[in-house]
Protein backbone atom coordinates (compact mmCIF):
# COMPACT_ATOMS: atom_id res chain seq x y z
CA MET A 1 1.99 -23.40 10.78
CA ALA A 2 -0.05 -24.09 7.67
CA ASP A 3 1.79 -21.26 5.89
CA LEU A 4 5.10 -22.94 6.67
CA ALA A 5 3.83 -26.29 5.46
CA ILE A 6 2.64 -24.86 2.15
CA VAL A 7 5.58 -22.58 1.38
CA PHE A 8 8.50 -24.55 2.83
CA HIS A 9 6.96 -28.07 2.76
CA TRP A 10 7.55 -28.50 6.49
CA THR A 11 5.54 -30.82 8.72
CA PRO A 12 4.28 -29.90 12.21
CA THR A 13 7.07 -32.11 13.59
CA ASP A 14 9.63 -29.93 11.78
CA CYS A 15 8.29 -26.88 13.63
CA ALA A 16 7.55 -28.47 17.00
CA ASP A 17 10.65 -27.14 18.73
CA PHE A 18 10.27 -23.56 17.48
CA SER A 19 9.48 -20.88 20.01
CA LEU A 20 6.48 -18.67 19.34
CA ARG A 21 8.85 -15.92 18.18
CA GLU A 22 10.57 -18.30 15.73
CA LEU A 23 7.22 -19.46 14.38
CA MET A 24 6.15 -15.86 13.78
CA GLU A 25 9.47 -15.01 12.09
CA TRP A 26 9.23 -18.03 9.78
CA ARG A 27 5.59 -17.26 9.07
CA GLU A 28 6.58 -13.75 7.95
CA ARG A 29 9.26 -15.23 5.68
CA ALA A 30 6.66 -17.58 4.22
CA ARG A 31 4.31 -14.63 3.61
CA GLN A 32 7.06 -12.69 1.85
CA ARG A 33 8.03 -15.64 -0.31
CA SER A 34 4.42 -16.36 -1.19
CA SER A 35 3.84 -12.72 -2.13
CA ALA A 36 7.00 -12.69 -4.26
CA GLU A 37 5.88 -15.79 -6.15
CA GLU A 38 2.48 -14.25 -6.85
CA SER A 39 4.00 -11.04 -8.21
CA HIS A 40 6.17 -12.95 -10.70
CA GLY A 41 3.31 -14.88 -12.23
CA ALA A 42 1.72 -13.93 -15.51
CA GLN A 43 -1.28 -11.75 -14.98
CA PRO A 44 -4.14 -11.60 -17.46
CA PRO A 45 -4.80 -8.13 -18.86
CA PRO A 46 -7.69 -6.26 -17.29
CA PRO A 47 -10.98 -6.41 -19.20
CA GLY A 48 -11.07 -3.89 -22.02
CA ALA A 49 -7.29 -3.40 -22.09
CA ALA A 50 -5.70 -2.88 -25.49
CA ARG A 51 -3.69 -5.87 -26.68
CA ARG A 52 -0.24 -5.47 -28.17
CA ARG A 53 0.30 -7.00 -31.58
CA ARG A 54 3.59 -8.31 -32.87
């Protein structure tokens, strides 16, 4: 449920009536969304990588 709270800003009360299956489905959606957000962030170049100049 912590994943749901972080990603969707839901409280435990918001999830209290979910079945176990629903919790697992929403948790997977939270994982996917969290992974998508991470992949869109700016990543620093690896050490020793050539830098592009304008």
